[in-house]
All heavy atoms as atom14 arrays in JSON, in Angstrom:
{
  "sequence": "LGYVDFLSLVRGAALVLTDSGGVQEETTMLGVPCLTIRPNTERP",
  "atom14_mask": [
    [1, 1, 1, 1, 1, 1, 1, 1, 0, 0, 0, 0, 0, 0],
    [1, 1, 1, 1, 0, 0, 0, 0, 0, 0, 0, 0, 0, 0],
    [1, 1, 1, 1, 1, 1, 1, 1, 1, 1, 1, 1, 0, 0],
    [1, 1, 1, 1, 1, 1, 1, 0, 0, 0, 0, 0, 0, 0],
    [1, 1, 1, 1, 1, 1, 1, 1, 0, 0, 0, 0, 0, 0],
    [1, 1, 1, 1, 1, 1, 1, 1, 1, 1, 1, 0, 0, 0],
    [1, 1, 1, 1, 1, 1, 1, 1, 0, 0, 0, 0, 0, 0],
    [1, 1, 1, 1, 1, 1, 0, 0, 0, 0, 0, 0, 0, 0],
    [1, 1, 1, 1, 1, 1, 1, 1, 0, 0, 0, 0, 0, 0],
    [1, 1, 1, 1, 1, 1, 1, 0, 0, 0, 0, 0, 0, 0],
    [1, 1, 1, 1, 1, 1, 1, 1, 1, 1, 1, 0, 0, 0],
    [1, 1, 1, 1, 0, 0, 0, 0, 0, 0, 0, 0, 0, 0],
    [1, 1, 1, 1, 1, 0, 0, 0, 0, 0, 0, 0, 0, 0],
    [1, 1, 1, 1, 1, 0, 0, 0, 0, 0, 0, 0, 0, 0],
    [1, 1, 1, 1, 1, 1, 1, 1, 0, 0, 0, 0, 0, 0],
    [1, 1, 1, 1, 1, 1, 1, 0, 0, 0, 0, 0, 0, 0],
    [1, 1, 1, 1, 1, 1, 1, 1, 0, 0, 0, 0, 0, 0],
    [1, 1, 1, 1, 1, 1, 1, 0, 0, 0, 0, 0, 0, 0],
    [1, 1, 1, 1, 1, 1, 1, 1, 0, 0, 0, 0, 0, 0],
    [1, 1, 1, 1, 1, 1, 0, 0, 0, 0, 0, 0, 0, 0],
    [1, 1, 1, 1, 0, 0, 0, 0, 0, 0, 0, 0, 0, 0],
    [1, 1, 1, 1, 0, 0, 0, 0, 0, 0, 0, 0, 0, 0],
    [1, 1, 1, 1, 1, 1, 1, 0, 0, 0, 0, 0, 0, 0],
    [1, 1, 1, 1, 1, 1, 1, 1, 1, 0, 0, 0, 0, 0],
    [1, 1, 1, 1, 1, 1, 1, 1, 1, 0, 0, 0, 0, 0],
    [1, 1, 1, 1, 1, 1, 1, 1, 1, 0, 0, 0, 0, 0],
    [1, 1, 1, 1, 1, 1, 1, 0, 0, 0, 0, 0, 0, 0],
    [1, 1, 1, 1, 1, 1, 1, 0, 0, 0, 0, 0, 0, 0],
    [1, 1, 1, 1, 1, 1, 1, 1, 0, 0, 0, 0, 0, 0],
    [1, 1, 1, 1, 1, 1, 1, 1, 0, 0, 0, 0, 0, 0],
    [1, 1, 1, 1, 0, 0, 0, 0, 0, 0, 0, 0, 0, 0],
    [1, 1, 1, 1, 1, 1, 1, 0, 0, 0, 0, 0, 0, 0],
    [1, 1, 1, 1, 1, 1, 1, 0, 0, 0, 0, 0, 0, 0],
    [1, 1, 1, 1, 1, 1, 0, 0, 0, 0, 0, 0, 0, 0],
    [1, 1, 1, 1, 1, 1, 1, 1, 0, 0, 0, 0, 0, 0],
    [1, 1, 1, 1, 1, 1, 1, 0, 0, 0, 0, 0, 0, 0],
    [1, 1, 1, 1, 1, 1, 1, 1, 0, 0, 0, 0, 0, 0],
    [1, 1, 1, 1, 1, 1, 1, 1, 1, 1, 1, 0, 0, 0],
    [1, 1, 1, 1, 1, 1, 1, 0, 0, 0, 0, 0, 0, 0],
    [1, 1, 1, 1, 1, 1, 1, 1, 0, 0, 0, 0, 0, 0],
    [1, 1, 1, 1, 1, 1, 1, 0, 0, 0, 0, 0, 0, 0],
    [1, 1, 1, 1, 1, 1, 1, 1, 1, 0, 0, 0, 0, 0],
    [1, 1, 1, 1, 1, 1, 1, 1, 1, 1, 1, 0, 0, 0],
    [1, 1, 1, 1, 1, 1, 1, 0, 0, 0, 0, 0, 0, 0]
  ],
  "atom14_positions": [
    [[-34.47, -2.94, 34.65], [-35.66, -2.85, 35.5], [-36.38, -4.18, 35.5], [-36.39, -4.92, 34.42], [-36.56, -1.72, 35.17], [-35.94, -0.3, 35.24], [-36.93, 0.69, 34.61], [-35.57, 0.03, 36.7], [0.0, 0.0, 0.0], [0.0, 0.0, 0.0], [0.0, 0.0, 0.0], [0.0, 0.0, 0.0], [0.0, 0.0, 0.0], [0.0, 0.0, 0.0]],
    [[-37.12, -4.45, 36.56], [-38.01, -5.65, 36.53], [-39.2, -5.4, 35.53], [-39.37, -4.32, 34.99], [0.0, 0.0, 0.0], [0.0, 0.0, 0.0], [0.0, 0.0, 0.0], [0.0, 0.0, 0.0], [0.0, 0.0, 0.0], [0.0, 0.0, 0.0], [0.0, 0.0, 0.0], [0.0, 0.0, 0.0], [0.0, 0.0, 0.0], [0.0, 0.0, 0.0]],
    [[-39.94, -6.46, 35.32], [-40.97, -6.38, 34.26], [-42.03, -5.25, 34.59], [-42.31, -4.44, 33.73], [-41.7, -7.74, 34.19], [-42.89, -7.83, 33.24], [-42.6, -7.81, 31.84], [-44.15, -7.92, 33.66], [-43.68, -7.87, 30.95], [-45.22, -8.06, 32.72], [-44.91, -8.01, 31.46], [-46.0, -8.05, 30.52], [0.0, 0.0, 0.0], [0.0, 0.0, 0.0]],
    [[-42.59, -5.23, 35.77], [-43.59, -4.27, 36.06], [-43.02, -2.84, 36.1], [-43.68, -1.91, 35.53], [-44.3, -4.59, 37.45], [-45.19, -3.48, 37.93], [-45.1, -5.92, 37.3], [0.0, 0.0, 0.0], [0.0, 0.0, 0.0], [0.0, 0.0, 0.0], [0.0, 0.0, 0.0], [0.0, 0.0, 0.0], [0.0, 0.0, 0.0], [0.0, 0.0, 0.0]],
    [[-41.84, -2.72, 36.68], [-41.22, -1.35, 36.67], [-40.9, -0.86, 35.3], [-41.16, 0.35, 35.0], [-39.94, -1.39, 37.54], [-40.26, -1.36, 39.07], [-41.38, -1.19, 39.44], [-39.23, -1.53, 39.77], [0.0, 0.0, 0.0], [0.0, 0.0, 0.0], [0.0, 0.0, 0.0], [0.0, 0.0, 0.0], [0.0, 0.0, 0.0], [0.0, 0.0, 0.0]],
    [[-40.39, -1.72, 34.45], [-40.04, -1.3, 33.08], [-41.28, -0.91, 32.28], [-41.3, 0.19, 31.65], [-39.3, -2.4, 32.34], [-39.0, -2.05, 30.9], [-38.03, -1.04, 30.6], [-39.71, -2.59, 29.9], [-37.75, -0.71, 29.3], [-39.45, -2.24, 28.57], [-38.53, -1.34, 28.25], [0.0, 0.0, 0.0], [0.0, 0.0, 0.0], [0.0, 0.0, 0.0]],
    [[-42.32, -1.73, 32.33], [-43.54, -1.4, 31.6], [-44.23, -0.17, 32.16], [-44.95, 0.65, 31.43], [-44.52, -2.59, 31.5], [-44.11, -3.69, 30.53], [-45.18, -4.75, 30.44], [-43.89, -3.1, 29.17], [0.0, 0.0, 0.0], [0.0, 0.0, 0.0], [0.0, 0.0, 0.0], [0.0, 0.0, 0.0], [0.0, 0.0, 0.0], [0.0, 0.0, 0.0]],
    [[-44.16, 0.04, 33.44], [-44.68, 1.25, 34.06], [-44.03, 2.41, 33.51], [-44.64, 3.5, 33.16], [-44.6, 1.19, 35.6], [-45.34, 0.13, 36.18], [0.0, 0.0, 0.0], [0.0, 0.0, 0.0], [0.0, 0.0, 0.0], [0.0, 0.0, 0.0], [0.0, 0.0, 0.0], [0.0, 0.0, 0.0], [0.0, 0.0, 0.0], [0.0, 0.0, 0.0]],
    [[-42.64, 2.36, 33.48], [-41.84, 3.47, 32.93], [-42.27, 3.78, 31.4], [-42.4, 4.91, 31.07], [-40.36, 3.07, 33.0], [-39.4, 4.26, 32.66], [-39.46, 5.36, 33.74], [-37.99, 3.66, 32.56], [0.0, 0.0, 0.0], [0.0, 0.0, 0.0], [0.0, 0.0, 0.0], [0.0, 0.0, 0.0], [0.0, 0.0, 0.0], [0.0, 0.0, 0.0]],
    [[-42.44, 2.69, 30.68], [-42.79, 2.8, 29.25], [-44.22, 3.39, 29.14], [-44.46, 4.28, 28.31], [-42.65, 1.48, 28.6], [-43.41, 1.49, 27.21], [-41.29, 1.07, 28.33], [0.0, 0.0, 0.0], [0.0, 0.0, 0.0], [0.0, 0.0, 0.0], [0.0, 0.0, 0.0], [0.0, 0.0, 0.0], [0.0, 0.0, 0.0], [0.0, 0.0, 0.0]],
    [[-45.13, 2.93, 30.0], [-46.46, 3.49, 29.92], [-46.54, 4.99, 30.09], [-47.39, 5.7, 29.51], [-47.39, 2.8, 30.99], [-48.87, 2.99, 30.81], [-49.65, 2.24, 31.84], [-51.06, 2.15, 31.45], [-52.0, 1.53, 32.11], [-51.69, 0.95, 33.29], [-53.27, 1.55, 31.69], [0.0, 0.0, 0.0], [0.0, 0.0, 0.0], [0.0, 0.0, 0.0]],
    [[-45.65, 5.53, 30.9], [-45.64, 6.96, 31.16], [-44.77, 7.79, 30.22], [-44.69, 9.02, 30.36], [0.0, 0.0, 0.0], [0.0, 0.0, 0.0], [0.0, 0.0, 0.0], [0.0, 0.0, 0.0], [0.0, 0.0, 0.0], [0.0, 0.0, 0.0], [0.0, 0.0, 0.0], [0.0, 0.0, 0.0], [0.0, 0.0, 0.0], [0.0, 0.0, 0.0]],
    [[-44.13, 7.11, 29.27], [-43.16, 7.78, 28.36], [-43.87, 8.49, 27.21], [-44.93, 8.09, 26.78], [-42.17, 6.79, 27.83], [0.0, 0.0, 0.0], [0.0, 0.0, 0.0], [0.0, 0.0, 0.0], [0.0, 0.0, 0.0], [0.0, 0.0, 0.0], [0.0, 0.0, 0.0], [0.0, 0.0, 0.0], [0.0, 0.0, 0.0], [0.0, 0.0, 0.0]],
    [[-43.21, 9.55, 26.78], [-43.73, 10.26, 25.53], [-43.23, 9.56, 24.29], [-43.82, 9.72, 23.23], [-43.2, 11.68, 25.57], [0.0, 0.0, 0.0], [0.0, 0.0, 0.0], [0.0, 0.0, 0.0], [0.0, 0.0, 0.0], [0.0, 0.0, 0.0], [0.0, 0.0, 0.0], [0.0, 0.0, 0.0], [0.0, 0.0, 0.0], [0.0, 0.0, 0.0]],
    [[-42.14, 8.75, 24.45], [-41.49, 8.09, 23.32], [-40.6, 6.96, 23.78], [-40.07, 7.04, 24.82], [-40.69, 9.21, 22.63], [-39.78, 8.77, 21.42], [-40.7, 8.42, 20.26], [-38.87, 9.92, 20.97], [0.0, 0.0, 0.0], [0.0, 0.0, 0.0], [0.0, 0.0, 0.0], [0.0, 0.0, 0.0], [0.0, 0.0, 0.0], [0.0, 0.0, 0.0]],
    [[-40.53, 5.93, 22.94], [-39.55, 4.85, 23.19], [-38.62, 4.73, 21.98], [-39.07, 4.73, 20.85], [-40.32, 3.52, 23.45], [-39.34, 2.38, 23.42], [-41.07, 3.59, 24.79], [0.0, 0.0, 0.0], [0.0, 0.0, 0.0], [0.0, 0.0, 0.0], [0.0, 0.0, 0.0], [0.0, 0.0, 0.0], [0.0, 0.0, 0.0], [0.0, 0.0, 0.0]],
    [[-37.33, 4.58, 22.31], [-36.28, 4.33, 21.27], [-35.88, 2.87, 21.62], [-35.41, 2.63, 22.69], [-35.14, 5.27, 21.44], [-35.45, 6.72, 21.85], [-34.14, 7.46, 22.14], [-36.2, 7.43, 20.72], [0.0, 0.0, 0.0], [0.0, 0.0, 0.0], [0.0, 0.0, 0.0], [0.0, 0.0, 0.0], [0.0, 0.0, 0.0], [0.0, 0.0, 0.0]],
    [[-35.83, 2.02, 20.56], [-35.49, 0.62, 20.9], [-34.83, -0.06, 19.67], [-34.98, 0.34, 18.6], [-36.71, -0.15, 21.33], [-36.35, -1.44, 21.92], [-37.71, -0.39, 20.24], [0.0, 0.0, 0.0], [0.0, 0.0, 0.0], [0.0, 0.0, 0.0], [0.0, 0.0, 0.0], [0.0, 0.0, 0.0], [0.0, 0.0, 0.0], [0.0, 0.0, 0.0]],
    [[-34.06, -1.2, 20.03], [-33.76, -2.09, 18.94], [-34.24, -3.54, 19.36], [-33.81, -4.5, 18.89], [-32.27, -2.15, 18.65], [-31.32, -2.33, 19.91], [-31.91, -2.75, 20.9], [-30.15, -2.1, 19.78], [0.0, 0.0, 0.0], [0.0, 0.0, 0.0], [0.0, 0.0, 0.0], [0.0, 0.0, 0.0], [0.0, 0.0, 0.0], [0.0, 0.0, 0.0]],
    [[-35.1, -3.57, 20.37], [-35.63, -4.78, 20.92], [-36.84, -5.24, 20.15], [-37.5, -4.4, 19.55], [-36.03, -4.62, 22.38], [-36.83, -5.72, 22.86], [0.0, 0.0, 0.0], [0.0, 0.0, 0.0], [0.0, 0.0, 0.0], [0.0, 0.0, 0.0], [0.0, 0.0, 0.0], [0.0, 0.0, 0.0], [0.0, 0.0, 0.0], [0.0, 0.0, 0.0]],
    [[-37.13, -6.55, 20.15], [-38.31, -7.04, 19.43], [-39.61, -6.89, 20.26], [-40.56, -6.29, 19.84], [0.0, 0.0, 0.0], [0.0, 0.0, 0.0], [0.0, 0.0, 0.0], [0.0, 0.0, 0.0], [0.0, 0.0, 0.0], [0.0, 0.0, 0.0], [0.0, 0.0, 0.0], [0.0, 0.0, 0.0], [0.0, 0.0, 0.0], [0.0, 0.0, 0.0]],
    [[-39.58, -7.41, 21.51], [-40.71, -7.43, 22.32], [-41.25, -5.99, 22.67], [-42.47, -5.79, 22.75], [0.0, 0.0, 0.0], [0.0, 0.0, 0.0], [0.0, 0.0, 0.0], [0.0, 0.0, 0.0], [0.0, 0.0, 0.0], [0.0, 0.0, 0.0], [0.0, 0.0, 0.0], [0.0, 0.0, 0.0], [0.0, 0.0, 0.0], [0.0, 0.0, 0.0]],
    [[-40.32, -5.04, 22.85], [-40.76, -3.7, 23.15], [-41.65, -3.12, 22.06], [-42.63, -2.33, 22.28], [-39.53, -2.75, 23.43], [-40.04, -1.3, 23.57], [-38.82, -3.19, 24.68], [0.0, 0.0, 0.0], [0.0, 0.0, 0.0], [0.0, 0.0, 0.0], [0.0, 0.0, 0.0], [0.0, 0.0, 0.0], [0.0, 0.0, 0.0], [0.0, 0.0, 0.0]],
    [[-41.42, -3.49, 20.79], [-42.21, -3.01, 19.65], [-43.69, -3.47, 19.89], [-44.54, -2.72, 19.59], [-41.7, -3.54, 18.31], [-40.28, -3.18, 18.02], [-39.72, -3.92, 16.8], [-40.41, -4.09, 15.82], [-38.53, -4.44, 16.97], [0.0, 0.0, 0.0], [0.0, 0.0, 0.0], [0.0, 0.0, 0.0], [0.0, 0.0, 0.0], [0.0, 0.0, 0.0]],
    [[-43.83, -4.75, 20.39], [-45.15, -5.24, 20.65], [-45.8, -4.52, 21.82], [-46.99, -4.22, 21.77], [-45.14, -6.73, 20.87], [-44.58, -7.44, 19.57], [-44.29, -8.94, 19.81], [-44.07, -9.33, 21.01], [-44.38, -9.75, 18.85], [0.0, 0.0, 0.0], [0.0, 0.0, 0.0], [0.0, 0.0, 0.0], [0.0, 0.0, 0.0], [0.0, 0.0, 0.0]],
    [[-45.03, -4.35, 22.86], [-45.63, -3.75, 24.07], [-46.08, -2.33, 23.85], [-47.14, -1.88, 24.31], [-44.69, -3.87, 25.23], [-44.46, -5.37, 25.67], [-43.22, -5.61, 26.47], [-42.25, -4.79, 26.37], [-43.11, -6.64, 27.12], [0.0, 0.0, 0.0], [0.0, 0.0, 0.0], [0.0, 0.0, 0.0], [0.0, 0.0, 0.0], [0.0, 0.0, 0.0]],
    [[-45.24, -1.54, 23.12], [-45.63, -0.18, 22.88], [-46.86, -0.11, 21.92], [-47.74, 0.83, 21.99], [-44.46, 0.63, 22.3], [-43.91, -0.11, 21.15], [-43.34, 0.86, 23.28], [0.0, 0.0, 0.0], [0.0, 0.0, 0.0], [0.0, 0.0, 0.0], [0.0, 0.0, 0.0], [0.0, 0.0, 0.0], [0.0, 0.0, 0.0], [0.0, 0.0, 0.0]],
    [[-46.98, -1.09, 21.0], [-48.08, -1.14, 20.2], [-49.42, -1.18, 20.95], [-50.44, -0.49, 20.74], [-48.05, -2.36, 19.17], [-47.15, -2.0, 18.18], [-49.37, -2.65, 18.61], [0.0, 0.0, 0.0], [0.0, 0.0, 0.0], [0.0, 0.0, 0.0], [0.0, 0.0, 0.0], [0.0, 0.0, 0.0], [0.0, 0.0, 0.0], [0.0, 0.0, 0.0]],
    [[-49.4, -2.03, 22.04], [-50.56, -2.25, 22.8], [-50.8, -1.07, 23.8], [-51.94, -0.78, 24.2], [-50.54, -3.56, 23.59], [-50.45, -4.79, 22.62], [-51.77, -4.82, 21.41], [-53.2, -5.1, 22.42], [0.0, 0.0, 0.0], [0.0, 0.0, 0.0], [0.0, 0.0, 0.0], [0.0, 0.0, 0.0], [0.0, 0.0, 0.0], [0.0, 0.0, 0.0]],
    [[-49.69, -0.46, 24.23], [-49.83, 0.64, 25.17], [-50.13, 2.0, 24.57], [-50.38, 2.99, 25.2], [-48.55, 0.78, 26.08], [-48.31, -0.42, 27.08], [-46.96, -0.26, 27.73], [-49.45, -0.43, 28.13], [0.0, 0.0, 0.0], [0.0, 0.0, 0.0], [0.0, 0.0, 0.0], [0.0, 0.0, 0.0], [0.0, 0.0, 0.0], [0.0, 0.0, 0.0]],
    [[-49.95, 2.01, 23.19], [-50.2, 3.31, 22.47], [-49.06, 4.31, 22.62], [-49.33, 5.52, 22.48], [0.0, 0.0, 0.0], [0.0, 0.0, 0.0], [0.0, 0.0, 0.0], [0.0, 0.0, 0.0], [0.0, 0.0, 0.0], [0.0, 0.0, 0.0], [0.0, 0.0, 0.0], [0.0, 0.0, 0.0], [0.0, 0.0, 0.0], [0.0, 0.0, 0.0]],
    [[-47.89, 3.86, 22.94], [-46.7, 4.76, 23.07], [-45.9, 4.82, 21.83], [-45.59, 3.71, 21.22], [-45.83, 4.27, 24.25], [-44.58, 5.15, 24.4], [-46.58, 4.22, 25.52], [0.0, 0.0, 0.0], [0.0, 0.0, 0.0], [0.0, 0.0, 0.0], [0.0, 0.0, 0.0], [0.0, 0.0, 0.0], [0.0, 0.0, 0.0], [0.0, 0.0, 0.0]],
    [[-45.61, 5.99, 21.27], [-44.8, 6.06, 20.05], [-43.47, 5.33, 20.17], [-42.82, 5.56, 21.15], [-44.62, 7.61, 19.79], [-45.68, 8.19, 20.57], [-45.99, 7.34, 21.77], [0.0, 0.0, 0.0], [0.0, 0.0, 0.0], [0.0, 0.0, 0.0], [0.0, 0.0, 0.0], [0.0, 0.0, 0.0], [0.0, 0.0, 0.0], [0.0, 0.0, 0.0]],
    [[-43.19, 4.51, 19.23], [-41.92, 3.67, 19.26], [-41.12, 3.94, 18.01], [-41.65, 3.75, 16.86], [-42.3, 2.2, 19.38], [-40.89, 1.11, 19.5], [0.0, 0.0, 0.0], [0.0, 0.0, 0.0], [0.0, 0.0, 0.0], [0.0, 0.0, 0.0], [0.0, 0.0, 0.0], [0.0, 0.0, 0.0], [0.0, 0.0, 0.0], [0.0, 0.0, 0.0]],
    [[-39.85, 4.23, 18.2], [-38.94, 4.36, 17.02], [-37.93, 3.17, 17.15], [-37.16, 3.12, 18.16], [-38.2, 5.7, 17.1], [-39.07, 6.91, 16.93], [-38.34, 8.19, 17.02], [-39.91, 6.86, 15.65], [0.0, 0.0, 0.0], [0.0, 0.0, 0.0], [0.0, 0.0, 0.0], [0.0, 0.0, 0.0], [0.0, 0.0, 0.0], [0.0, 0.0, 0.0]],
    [[-37.95, 2.24, 16.21], [-37.12, 1.07, 16.28], [-35.86, 1.33, 15.38], [-35.99, 1.53, 14.16], [-37.88, -0.16, 15.76], [-38.93, -0.42, 16.68], [-36.94, -1.38, 15.71], [0.0, 0.0, 0.0], [0.0, 0.0, 0.0], [0.0, 0.0, 0.0], [0.0, 0.0, 0.0], [0.0, 0.0, 0.0], [0.0, 0.0, 0.0], [0.0, 0.0, 0.0]],
    [[-34.73, 1.32, 16.0], [-33.44, 1.72, 15.33], [-32.88, 0.43, 14.69], [-31.92, -0.16, 15.11], [-32.5, 2.35, 16.34], [-33.18, 3.33, 17.19], [-31.32, 3.02, 15.58], [-32.47, 3.74, 18.47], [0.0, 0.0, 0.0], [0.0, 0.0, 0.0], [0.0, 0.0, 0.0], [0.0, 0.0, 0.0], [0.0, 0.0, 0.0], [0.0, 0.0, 0.0]],
    [[-33.53, 0.08, 13.57], [-33.11, -1.15, 12.82], [-33.62, -0.95, 11.43], [-34.59, -0.29, 11.15], [-33.73, -2.38, 13.4], [-33.16, -2.86, 14.76], [-33.88, -4.01, 15.4], [-34.21, -5.07, 14.44], [-35.01, -6.14, 14.75], [-35.48, -6.2, 15.95], [-35.22, -7.03, 13.81], [0.0, 0.0, 0.0], [0.0, 0.0, 0.0], [0.0, 0.0, 0.0]],
    [[-32.92, -1.56, 10.47], [-33.35, -1.54, 9.06], [-34.52, -2.42, 8.78], [-35.12, -2.35, 7.67], [-32.17, -1.92, 8.27], [-31.33, -2.87, 9.18], [-31.59, -2.33, 10.55], [0.0, 0.0, 0.0], [0.0, 0.0, 0.0], [0.0, 0.0, 0.0], [0.0, 0.0, 0.0], [0.0, 0.0, 0.0], [0.0, 0.0, 0.0], [0.0, 0.0, 0.0]],
    [[-34.9, -3.36, 9.67], [-35.9, -4.35, 9.45], [-36.52, -4.75, 10.76], [-35.96, -4.49, 11.8], [-35.34, -5.58, 8.71], [-34.12, -6.1, 9.37], [-34.1, -6.45, 10.57], [-33.02, -6.15, 8.62], [0.0, 0.0, 0.0], [0.0, 0.0, 0.0], [0.0, 0.0, 0.0], [0.0, 0.0, 0.0], [0.0, 0.0, 0.0], [0.0, 0.0, 0.0]],
    [[-37.63, -5.45, 10.72], [-38.21, -6.08, 11.91], [-38.88, -7.32, 11.6], [-39.47, -7.41, 10.57], [-39.22, -5.04, 12.56], [-39.76, -5.7, 13.73], [-40.33, -4.67, 11.62], [0.0, 0.0, 0.0], [0.0, 0.0, 0.0], [0.0, 0.0, 0.0], [0.0, 0.0, 0.0], [0.0, 0.0, 0.0], [0.0, 0.0, 0.0], [0.0, 0.0, 0.0]],
    [[-38.72, -8.28, 12.48], [-39.45, -9.57, 12.34], [-40.89, -9.46, 12.85], [-41.67, -10.41, 12.85], [-38.73, -10.69, 13.12], [-38.65, -10.5, 14.63], [-37.64, -9.46, 15.06], [-36.81, -9.02, 14.18], [-37.67, -9.11, 16.22], [0.0, 0.0, 0.0], [0.0, 0.0, 0.0], [0.0, 0.0, 0.0], [0.0, 0.0, 0.0], [0.0, 0.0, 0.0]],
    [[-41.25, -8.23, 13.27], [-42.61, -7.96, 13.77], [-43.29, -6.91, 12.93], [-43.63, -5.76, 13.55], [-42.51, -7.66, 15.28], [-42.03, -8.81, 16.15], [-41.69, -8.3, 17.53], [-41.48, -9.37, 18.49], [-40.38, -10.11, 18.6], [-39.33, -9.76, 17.85], [-40.29, -11.04, 19.49], [0.0, 0.0, 0.0], [0.0, 0.0, 0.0], [0.0, 0.0, 0.0]],
    [[-43.46, -6.98, 11.69], [-44.01, -5.93, 10.8], [-45.46, -5.5, 11.26], [-45.86, -4.42, 10.94], [-44.01, -6.52, 9.42], [-43.99, -8.01, 9.55], [-43.17, -8.19, 10.85], [0.0, 0.0, 0.0], [0.0, 0.0, 0.0], [0.0, 0.0, 0.0], [0.0, 0.0, 0.0], [0.0, 0.0, 0.0], [0.0, 0.0, 0.0], [0.0, 0.0, 0.0]]
  ]
}
């Protein structure tokens, strides 16, 4: 999805599952629960 469409979808979500870096930051600011499927993160 494009930038606006993707973040709109995330904004309305009950939950995000990701292994992406930037999504961890975006969900932090949007207040959406995020589960990062990785053993570590460069964005603690």
